[in-house]
Amino acid sequence: MIMKYEEYETNPIVQCPVCGWQGHIDDMNKRYPDETVFECWCPGCKNYSVDIGYPYPEYYRKKALAGDPEAIARVGHWDAVKKSWLRDPAQLPDISPSSALTLVVQQDGDGNVSVRSGGLVIWNERWFSGDPERYDKLREMLINRYGPGTNVSREFTSDDARSYFDGWK
């Protein structure tokens, strides 16, 4: 089901057609893959989802310009996350690859991501919750920079971090 943000604000009660759970959308499991949508799953069966489109950027930018403190914080957070992203493989440092270079993309439960080669941190950035496309883009840039033989793996600092990035926060 797709719901407009205005509907979410005025009628946030939903019923799962799979298991019958009924409640407020805020009680559902959520994932925020980017600044344009948040996804909600039924806490009973985890099968039913509601995708709610944020009216970003126009809605929150207008509210922020009008001085709304929540909108100012939200727009500031989204802008800061995107500013931290690797945009070009040339931003990555030169490192001496061994015969098989392994890079680890390590994620914590607060959206912090670091790329490591051995004990050396070569990149840090922040992600939106559960952003699978961002991982793929970062992986592609790492392989582009360090060569097709580069092994890129993904690790989580805790089960909470895995839950955050799998969308079950």
N, C-alpha and C. Protein backbone atom coordinates (compact mmCIF):
# COMPACT_ATOMS: atom_id res chain seq x y z
N MET A 1 0.84 -1.18 0.00
CA MET A 1 0.00 0.00 0.00
C MET A 1 0.89 1.24 0.00
N ILE A 2 0.52 2.22 -0.78
CA ILE A 2 1.24 3.49 -0.81
C ILE A 2 0.33 4.55 -0.21
N MET A 3 0.88 5.34 0.68
CA MET A 3 0.10 6.36 1.37
C MET A 3 0.82 7.70 1.25
N LYS A 4 0.06 8.75 0.97
CA LYS A 4 0.65 10.09 0.96
C LYS A 4 0.90 10.53 2.39
N TYR A 5 1.89 11.39 2.56
CA TYR A 5 2.24 11.86 3.90
C TYR A 5 1.06 12.56 4.58
N GLU A 6 0.28 13.30 3.80
CA GLU A 6 -0.86 14.00 4.35
C GLU A 6 -1.88 13.01 4.95
N GLU A 7 -2.04 11.84 4.29
CA GLU A 7 -2.94 10.81 4.82
C GLU A 7 -2.38 10.25 6.13
N TYR A 8 -1.08 10.06 6.17
CA TYR A 8 -0.43 9.56 7.38
C TYR A 8 -0.67 10.51 8.55
N GLU A 9 -0.57 11.82 8.28
CA GLU A 9 -0.76 12.80 9.35
C GLU A 9 -2.21 12.87 9.81
N THR A 10 -3.19 12.62 8.92
CA THR A 10 -4.60 12.77 9.28
C THR A 10 -5.29 11.47 9.64
N ASN A 11 -4.84 10.33 9.09
CA ASN A 11 -5.50 9.06 9.36
C ASN A 11 -4.46 7.95 9.47
N PRO A 12 -3.72 7.91 10.57
CA PRO A 12 -2.59 6.98 10.67
C PRO A 12 -2.94 5.57 11.16
N ILE A 13 -4.22 5.21 11.20
CA ILE A 13 -4.61 3.88 11.67
C ILE A 13 -4.74 2.95 10.45
N VAL A 14 -4.08 1.80 10.52
CA VAL A 14 -4.14 0.83 9.42
C VAL A 14 -4.48 -0.55 9.97
N GLN A 15 -4.95 -1.42 9.08
CA GLN A 15 -5.21 -2.81 9.46
C GLN A 15 -4.51 -3.70 8.47
N CYS A 16 -3.80 -4.71 8.98
CA CYS A 16 -3.07 -5.66 8.15
C CYS A 16 -4.05 -6.64 7.53
N PRO A 17 -4.08 -6.74 6.21
CA PRO A 17 -4.99 -7.68 5.57
C PRO A 17 -4.52 -9.14 5.69
N VAL A 18 -3.27 -9.34 6.12
CA VAL A 18 -2.73 -10.68 6.24
C VAL A 18 -3.08 -11.31 7.58
N CYS A 19 -2.76 -10.61 8.70
CA CYS A 19 -2.98 -11.22 10.02
C CYS A 19 -4.06 -10.53 10.85
N GLY A 20 -4.55 -9.38 10.38
CA GLY A 20 -5.61 -8.69 11.10
C GLY A 20 -5.15 -7.66 12.11
N TRP A 21 -3.82 -7.53 12.34
CA TRP A 21 -3.33 -6.53 13.28
C TRP A 21 -3.87 -5.16 12.87
N GLN A 22 -4.26 -4.37 13.86
CA GLN A 22 -4.73 -3.02 13.60
C GLN A 22 -4.05 -2.08 14.59
N GLY A 23 -3.62 -0.94 14.09
CA GLY A 23 -3.00 0.02 14.97
C GLY A 23 -2.47 1.23 14.23
N HIS A 24 -1.76 2.04 14.99
CA HIS A 24 -1.16 3.27 14.48
C HIS A 24 0.09 2.93 13.67
N ILE A 25 0.27 3.61 12.57
CA ILE A 25 1.45 3.36 11.73
C ILE A 25 2.74 3.51 12.52
N ASP A 26 2.77 4.42 13.51
CA ASP A 26 3.98 4.61 14.30
C ASP A 26 4.33 3.38 15.14
N ASP A 27 3.38 2.44 15.30
CA ASP A 27 3.66 1.21 16.03
C ASP A 27 4.18 0.10 15.13
N MET A 28 4.26 0.37 13.84
CA MET A 28 4.77 -0.62 12.89
C MET A 28 6.29 -0.56 12.85
N ASN A 29 6.92 -1.63 12.35
CA ASN A 29 8.37 -1.65 12.14
C ASN A 29 8.66 -0.73 10.96
N LYS A 30 9.73 0.07 11.07
CA LYS A 30 9.99 1.08 10.05
C LYS A 30 11.40 0.95 9.46
N ARG A 31 11.51 1.45 8.25
CA ARG A 31 12.79 1.57 7.58
C ARG A 31 12.74 2.86 6.77
N TYR A 32 13.84 3.59 6.77
CA TYR A 32 13.92 4.88 6.08
C TYR A 32 15.00 4.78 5.01
N PRO A 33 14.68 4.22 3.83
CA PRO A 33 15.72 4.02 2.84
C PRO A 33 16.29 5.29 2.24
N ASP A 34 15.53 6.35 2.23
CA ASP A 34 16.05 7.63 1.76
C ASP A 34 15.13 8.74 2.25
N GLU A 35 15.33 9.94 1.75
CA GLU A 35 14.58 11.08 2.25
C GLU A 35 13.21 11.21 1.60
N THR A 36 12.84 10.32 0.69
CA THR A 36 11.58 10.47 -0.02
C THR A 36 10.48 9.53 0.47
N VAL A 37 10.81 8.51 1.26
CA VAL A 37 9.82 7.52 1.66
C VAL A 37 10.23 6.86 2.97
N PHE A 38 9.25 6.42 3.74
CA PHE A 38 9.57 5.47 4.79
C PHE A 38 8.63 4.30 4.66
N GLU A 39 9.15 3.13 4.97
CA GLU A 39 8.44 1.87 4.79
C GLU A 39 8.07 1.32 6.16
N CYS A 40 6.87 0.79 6.27
CA CYS A 40 6.39 0.24 7.53
C CYS A 40 5.89 -1.18 7.31
N TRP A 41 6.23 -2.07 8.25
CA TRP A 41 5.79 -3.45 8.18
C TRP A 41 4.96 -3.78 9.40
N CYS A 42 4.03 -4.69 9.21
CA CYS A 42 3.16 -5.16 10.28
C CYS A 42 4.00 -5.80 11.39
N PRO A 43 3.81 -5.38 12.65
CA PRO A 43 4.57 -5.99 13.74
C PRO A 43 4.09 -7.41 14.06
N GLY A 44 2.91 -7.78 13.58
CA GLY A 44 2.39 -9.12 13.84
C GLY A 44 2.98 -10.16 12.91
N CYS A 45 2.89 -9.91 11.59
CA CYS A 45 3.33 -10.93 10.62
C CYS A 45 4.51 -10.49 9.76
N LYS A 46 4.86 -9.22 9.79
CA LYS A 46 5.96 -8.64 9.01
C LYS A 46 5.78 -8.80 7.50
N ASN A 47 4.57 -9.13 7.07
CA ASN A 47 4.31 -9.30 5.64
C ASN A 47 3.71 -8.06 5.00
N TYR A 48 2.83 -7.39 5.68
CA TYR A 48 2.11 -6.26 5.11
C TYR A 48 2.97 -5.01 5.22
N SER A 49 3.08 -4.26 4.14
CA SER A 49 3.86 -3.03 4.21
C SER A 49 3.05 -1.84 3.71
N VAL A 50 3.39 -0.72 4.28
CA VAL A 50 2.84 0.57 3.86
C VAL A 50 4.02 1.46 3.55
N ASP A 51 4.08 1.99 2.35
CA ASP A 51 5.13 2.94 1.98
C ASP A 51 4.53 4.34 2.03
N ILE A 52 5.16 5.19 2.81
CA ILE A 52 4.64 6.55 2.99
C ILE A 52 5.64 7.52 2.37
N GLY A 53 5.18 8.26 1.39
CA GLY A 53 6.04 9.21 0.71
C GLY A 53 6.17 10.49 1.49
N TYR A 54 7.42 10.87 1.75
CA TYR A 54 7.66 12.18 2.35
C TYR A 54 7.45 13.24 1.28
N PRO A 55 6.89 14.36 1.63
CA PRO A 55 6.76 15.44 0.67
C PRO A 55 8.06 16.24 0.57
N TYR A 56 9.16 15.57 0.72
CA TYR A 56 10.49 16.19 0.66
C TYR A 56 10.88 16.34 -0.79
N PRO A 57 11.54 17.42 -1.16
CA PRO A 57 12.03 18.47 -0.28
C PRO A 57 11.07 19.64 -0.08
N GLU A 58 10.13 19.79 -0.99
CA GLU A 58 9.32 21.02 -0.98
C GLU A 58 8.59 21.25 0.34
N TYR A 59 7.95 20.24 0.87
CA TYR A 59 7.17 20.39 2.10
C TYR A 59 8.05 20.81 3.29
N TYR A 60 9.11 20.04 3.54
CA TYR A 60 9.96 20.34 4.70
C TYR A 60 10.83 21.56 4.49
N ARG A 61 11.28 21.79 3.28
CA ARG A 61 12.09 22.99 3.04
C ARG A 61 11.25 24.25 3.26
N LYS A 62 9.99 24.23 2.81
CA LYS A 62 9.11 25.38 3.04
C LYS A 62 8.87 25.58 4.54
N LYS A 63 8.61 24.47 5.25
CA LYS A 63 8.39 24.58 6.68
C LYS A 63 9.65 25.06 7.40
N ALA A 64 10.81 24.60 6.93
CA ALA A 64 12.07 25.03 7.55
C ALA A 64 12.30 26.53 7.32
N LEU A 65 12.03 26.98 6.10
CA LEU A 65 12.18 28.41 5.81
C LEU A 65 11.22 29.26 6.65
N ALA A 66 10.08 28.67 7.02
CA ALA A 66 9.11 29.38 7.86
C ALA A 66 9.50 29.31 9.34
N GLY A 67 10.60 28.59 9.64
CA GLY A 67 11.09 28.55 11.01
C GLY A 67 10.67 27.35 11.83
N ASP A 68 10.01 26.36 11.24
CA ASP A 68 9.58 25.17 11.97
C ASP A 68 10.81 24.40 12.46
N PRO A 69 11.01 24.26 13.79
CA PRO A 69 12.22 23.63 14.32
C PRO A 69 12.37 22.15 13.91
N GLU A 70 11.26 21.41 13.86
CA GLU A 70 11.35 20.00 13.45
C GLU A 70 11.78 19.88 11.99
N ALA A 71 11.21 20.73 11.13
CA ALA A 71 11.56 20.72 9.71
C ALA A 71 13.02 21.13 9.51
N ILE A 72 13.47 22.13 10.25
CA ILE A 72 14.86 22.57 10.16
C ILE A 72 15.80 21.42 10.53
N ALA A 73 15.48 20.70 11.60
CA ALA A 73 16.32 19.57 12.03
C ALA A 73 16.30 18.45 11.00
N ARG A 74 15.13 18.14 10.46
CA ARG A 74 15.00 17.04 9.50
C ARG A 74 15.77 17.33 8.22
N VAL A 75 15.59 18.53 7.66
CA VAL A 75 16.29 18.91 6.44
C VAL A 75 17.80 18.94 6.69
N GLY A 76 18.19 19.46 7.85
CA GLY A 76 19.62 19.50 8.19
C GLY A 76 20.21 18.10 8.28
N HIS A 77 19.48 17.17 8.88
CA HIS A 77 19.97 15.79 9.00
C HIS A 77 20.13 15.16 7.62
N TRP A 78 19.10 15.26 6.78
CA TRP A 78 19.18 14.66 5.44
C TRP A 78 20.32 15.26 4.64
N ASP A 79 20.48 16.57 4.70
CA ASP A 79 21.56 17.22 3.95
C ASP A 79 22.93 16.78 4.46
N ALA A 80 23.07 16.65 5.78
CA ALA A 80 24.36 16.22 6.35
C ALA A 80 24.69 14.78 5.95
N VAL A 81 23.69 13.91 5.95
CA VAL A 81 23.93 12.52 5.54
C VAL A 81 24.43 12.48 4.11
N LYS A 82 23.74 13.16 3.22
CA LYS A 82 24.14 13.13 1.81
C LYS A 82 25.49 13.79 1.57
N LYS A 83 25.82 14.82 2.34
CA LYS A 83 27.12 15.48 2.17
C LYS A 83 28.27 14.55 2.55
N SER A 84 28.00 13.59 3.44
CA SER A 84 29.07 12.69 3.89
C SER A 84 29.38 11.59 2.87
N TRP A 85 28.54 11.42 1.85
CA TRP A 85 28.69 10.30 0.93
C TRP A 85 29.88 10.46 -0.01
N LEU A 86 30.50 9.34 -0.28
CA LEU A 86 31.53 9.26 -1.31
C LEU A 86 30.84 9.51 -2.65
N ARG A 87 31.37 10.42 -3.43
CA ARG A 87 30.76 10.75 -4.72
C ARG A 87 31.59 10.27 -5.90
N ASP A 88 32.89 10.14 -5.65
CA ASP A 88 33.80 9.79 -6.74
C ASP A 88 34.90 8.89 -6.18
N PRO A 89 35.22 7.80 -6.87
CA PRO A 89 36.28 6.91 -6.37
C PRO A 89 37.62 7.63 -6.15
N ALA A 90 37.84 8.73 -6.85
CA ALA A 90 39.09 9.48 -6.69
C ALA A 90 39.21 10.09 -5.30
N GLN A 91 38.11 10.19 -4.55
CA GLN A 91 38.16 10.70 -3.18
C GLN A 91 38.84 9.71 -2.24
N LEU A 92 38.91 8.45 -2.63
CA LEU A 92 39.50 7.42 -1.77
C LEU A 92 41.02 7.51 -1.80
N PRO A 93 41.67 7.18 -0.71
CA PRO A 93 43.14 7.27 -0.66
C PRO A 93 43.79 6.15 -1.46
N ASP A 94 45.05 6.38 -1.80
CA ASP A 94 45.85 5.30 -2.38
C ASP A 94 46.23 4.35 -1.26
N ILE A 95 46.04 3.08 -1.46
CA ILE A 95 46.51 2.08 -0.51
C ILE A 95 47.23 1.01 -1.30
N SER A 96 48.20 0.41 -0.66
CA SER A 96 48.98 -0.64 -1.33
C SER A 96 48.21 -1.95 -1.25
N PRO A 97 47.67 -2.39 -2.38
CA PRO A 97 46.92 -3.64 -2.33
C PRO A 97 47.86 -4.84 -2.22
N SER A 98 47.46 -5.79 -1.41
CA SER A 98 48.17 -7.06 -1.38
C SER A 98 47.64 -7.87 -2.56
N SER A 99 47.97 -9.12 -2.65
CA SER A 99 47.50 -9.92 -3.77
C SER A 99 45.97 -9.98 -3.80
N ALA A 100 45.34 -9.93 -2.64
CA ALA A 100 43.87 -9.93 -2.58
C ALA A 100 43.46 -8.88 -1.57
N LEU A 101 43.01 -7.75 -2.05
CA LEU A 101 42.59 -6.66 -1.18
C LEU A 101 41.18 -6.92 -0.67
N THR A 102 41.03 -6.88 0.65
CA THR A 102 39.71 -7.04 1.26
C THR A 102 39.34 -5.75 1.95
N LEU A 103 38.20 -5.22 1.59
CA LEU A 103 37.68 -4.02 2.22
C LEU A 103 36.41 -4.40 2.97
N VAL A 104 36.27 -3.91 4.20
CA VAL A 104 35.12 -4.22 5.03
C VAL A 104 34.29 -2.95 5.22
N VAL A 105 33.03 -3.03 4.83
CA VAL A 105 32.10 -1.94 5.07
C VAL A 105 31.42 -2.27 6.40
N GLN A 106 31.77 -1.51 7.44
CA GLN A 106 31.27 -1.79 8.78
C GLN A 106 30.22 -0.77 9.17
N GLN A 107 29.07 -1.26 9.64
CA GLN A 107 27.95 -0.38 9.96
C GLN A 107 27.55 -0.54 11.42
N ASP A 108 27.26 0.60 12.06
CA ASP A 108 26.74 0.54 13.43
C ASP A 108 25.25 0.85 13.41
N GLY A 109 24.62 0.83 14.54
CA GLY A 109 23.18 1.02 14.63
C GLY A 109 22.71 2.46 14.53
N ASP A 110 23.63 3.39 14.36
CA ASP A 110 23.24 4.80 14.27
C ASP A 110 23.40 5.37 12.87
N GLY A 111 23.65 4.51 11.88
CA GLY A 111 23.80 4.98 10.51
C GLY A 111 25.23 5.33 10.14
N ASN A 112 26.19 5.08 11.03
CA ASN A 112 27.60 5.36 10.73
C ASN A 112 28.20 4.18 9.99
N VAL A 113 28.94 4.49 8.93
CA VAL A 113 29.55 3.47 8.09
C VAL A 113 31.02 3.80 7.93
N SER A 114 31.87 2.79 8.10
CA SER A 114 33.29 2.99 7.82
C SER A 114 33.77 1.89 6.89
N VAL A 115 34.69 2.26 6.02
CA VAL A 115 35.32 1.30 5.12
C VAL A 115 36.74 1.09 5.64
N ARG A 116 37.10 -0.17 5.85
CA ARG A 116 38.40 -0.50 6.43
C ARG A 116 39.18 -1.43 5.52
N SER A 117 40.47 -1.23 5.54
CA SER A 117 41.41 -2.15 4.92
C SER A 117 42.37 -2.56 6.02
N GLY A 118 42.21 -3.79 6.52
CA GLY A 118 42.96 -4.20 7.71
C GLY A 118 42.48 -3.32 8.85
N GLY A 119 43.39 -2.71 9.58
CA GLY A 119 43.02 -1.83 10.68
C GLY A 119 42.88 -0.38 10.26
N LEU A 120 43.10 -0.09 8.99
CA LEU A 120 43.10 1.29 8.49
C LEU A 120 41.70 1.69 8.00
N VAL A 121 41.16 2.77 8.56
CA VAL A 121 39.89 3.31 8.07
C VAL A 121 40.21 4.18 6.86
N ILE A 122 39.61 3.84 5.72
CA ILE A 122 39.88 4.62 4.51
C ILE A 122 38.72 5.54 4.12
N TRP A 123 37.54 5.31 4.71
CA TRP A 123 36.40 6.19 4.41
C TRP A 123 35.36 6.08 5.51
N ASN A 124 34.70 7.19 5.85
CA ASN A 124 33.56 7.22 6.78
C ASN A 124 32.43 8.01 6.14
N GLU A 125 31.22 7.53 6.35
CA GLU A 125 30.05 8.28 5.92
C GLU A 125 28.85 7.83 6.74
N ARG A 126 27.71 8.51 6.53
CA ARG A 126 26.46 8.13 7.21
C ARG A 126 25.47 7.68 6.15
N TRP A 127 24.58 6.77 6.57
CA TRP A 127 23.55 6.27 5.66
C TRP A 127 22.19 6.44 6.26
N PHE A 128 21.20 6.44 5.38
CA PHE A 128 19.82 6.31 5.83
C PHE A 128 19.62 4.84 6.19
N SER A 129 18.70 4.58 7.04
CA SER A 129 18.43 3.21 7.48
C SER A 129 18.13 2.30 6.32
N GLY A 130 18.84 1.19 6.29
CA GLY A 130 18.52 0.11 5.37
C GLY A 130 18.72 0.40 3.91
N ASP A 131 19.53 1.38 3.55
CA ASP A 131 19.68 1.81 2.17
C ASP A 131 20.49 0.81 1.36
N PRO A 132 19.86 -0.24 0.78
CA PRO A 132 20.63 -1.24 0.04
C PRO A 132 21.28 -0.67 -1.21
N GLU A 133 20.65 0.31 -1.83
CA GLU A 133 21.24 0.90 -3.03
C GLU A 133 22.54 1.63 -2.71
N ARG A 134 22.60 2.25 -1.54
CA ARG A 134 23.82 2.97 -1.17
C ARG A 134 24.98 2.01 -1.00
N TYR A 135 24.73 0.86 -0.38
CA TYR A 135 25.79 -0.14 -0.23
C TYR A 135 26.29 -0.57 -1.61
N ASP A 136 25.39 -0.82 -2.54
CA ASP A 136 25.78 -1.25 -3.88
C ASP A 136 26.61 -0.18 -4.58
N LYS A 137 26.20 1.08 -4.42
CA LYS A 137 26.95 2.18 -5.05
C LYS A 137 28.34 2.30 -4.44
N LEU A 138 28.43 2.20 -3.12
CA LEU A 138 29.72 2.30 -2.46
C LEU A 138 30.62 1.14 -2.88
N ARG A 139 30.07 -0.06 -2.90
CA ARG A 139 30.82 -1.25 -3.32
C ARG A 139 31.37 -1.06 -4.75
N GLU A 140 30.53 -0.57 -5.64
CA GLU A 140 30.94 -0.33 -7.02
C GLU A 140 32.10 0.68 -7.10
N MET A 141 32.01 1.76 -6.30
CA MET A 141 33.10 2.76 -6.31
C MET A 141 34.40 2.19 -5.73
N LEU A 142 34.29 1.34 -4.70
CA LEU A 142 35.48 0.72 -4.13
C LEU A 142 36.17 -0.18 -5.15
N ILE A 143 35.39 -0.96 -5.87
CA ILE A 143 35.96 -1.86 -6.89
C ILE A 143 36.51 -1.05 -8.05
N ASN A 144 35.84 0.03 -8.41
CA ASN A 144 36.32 0.91 -9.46
C ASN A 144 37.67 1.50 -9.09
N ARG A 145 37.82 1.90 -7.83
CA ARG A 145 39.07 2.54 -7.37
C ARG A 145 40.21 1.55 -7.18
N TYR A 146 39.90 0.39 -6.59
CA TYR A 146 40.97 -0.53 -6.20
C TYR A 146 41.08 -1.77 -7.08
N GLY A 147 40.23 -1.90 -8.08
CA GLY A 147 40.37 -2.97 -9.05
C GLY A 147 39.35 -4.09 -8.89
N PRO A 148 39.15 -4.84 -9.99
CA PRO A 148 38.13 -5.89 -10.00
C PRO A 148 38.42 -7.06 -9.05
N GLY A 149 39.64 -7.21 -8.59
CA GLY A 149 39.97 -8.28 -7.65
C GLY A 149 39.70 -7.91 -6.20
N THR A 150 39.16 -6.72 -5.98
CA THR A 150 38.90 -6.24 -4.63
C THR A 150 37.69 -6.98 -4.04
N ASN A 151 37.87 -7.54 -2.86
CA ASN A 151 36.79 -8.21 -2.15
C ASN A 151 36.18 -7.21 -1.18
N VAL A 152 34.88 -6.96 -1.31
CA VAL A 152 34.19 -6.04 -0.42
C VAL A 152 33.18 -6.85 0.38
N SER A 153 33.30 -6.80 1.71
CA SER A 153 32.34 -7.51 2.55
C SER A 153 31.63 -6.51 3.46
N ARG A 154 30.53 -6.96 4.04
CA ARG A 154 29.72 -6.09 4.89
C ARG A 154 29.64 -6.71 6.27
N GLU A 155 29.93 -5.92 7.30
CA GLU A 155 29.85 -6.38 8.68
C GLU A 155 29.03 -5.39 9.49
N PHE A 156 28.47 -5.91 10.57
CA PHE A 156 27.68 -5.07 11.47
C PHE A 156 28.34 -5.12 12.84
N THR A 157 28.31 -4.00 13.55
CA THR A 157 28.96 -3.95 14.86
C THR A 157 28.15 -4.65 15.94
N SER A 158 26.86 -4.90 15.67
CA SER A 158 26.00 -5.55 16.66
C SER A 158 24.73 -6.04 15.97
N ASP A 159 23.94 -6.82 16.69
CA ASP A 159 22.65 -7.23 16.15
C ASP A 159 21.73 -6.02 15.97
N ASP A 160 21.88 -5.01 16.85
CA ASP A 160 21.10 -3.79 16.69
C ASP A 160 21.43 -3.10 15.37
N ALA A 161 22.71 -3.10 15.02
CA ALA A 161 23.12 -2.49 13.75
C ALA A 161 22.53 -3.27 12.58
N ARG A 162 22.57 -4.59 12.65
CA ARG A 162 21.99 -5.41 11.58
C ARG A 162 20.49 -5.10 11.47
N SER A 163 19.80 -5.02 12.58
CA SER A 163 18.38 -4.72 12.57
C SER A 163 18.12 -3.35 11.95
N TYR A 164 18.94 -2.36 12.31
CA TYR A 164 18.77 -1.01 11.79
C TYR A 164 18.86 -1.01 10.28
N PHE A 165 19.86 -1.67 9.75
CA PHE A 165 20.08 -1.64 8.32
C PHE A 165 19.25 -2.65 7.56
N ASP A 166 18.66 -3.61 8.24
CA ASP A 166 17.74 -4.52 7.58
C ASP A 166 16.32 -3.99 7.63
N GLY A 167 16.13 -2.83 8.25
CA GLY A 167 14.82 -2.19 8.25
C GLY A 167 13.91 -2.61 9.39
N TRP A 168 14.44 -3.26 10.42
CA TRP A 168 13.59 -3.71 11.52
C TRP A 168 13.90 -2.97 12.80
N LYS A 169 14.15 -1.67 12.70
CA LYS A 169 14.44 -0.88 13.90
C LYS A 169 13.18 -0.58 14.65
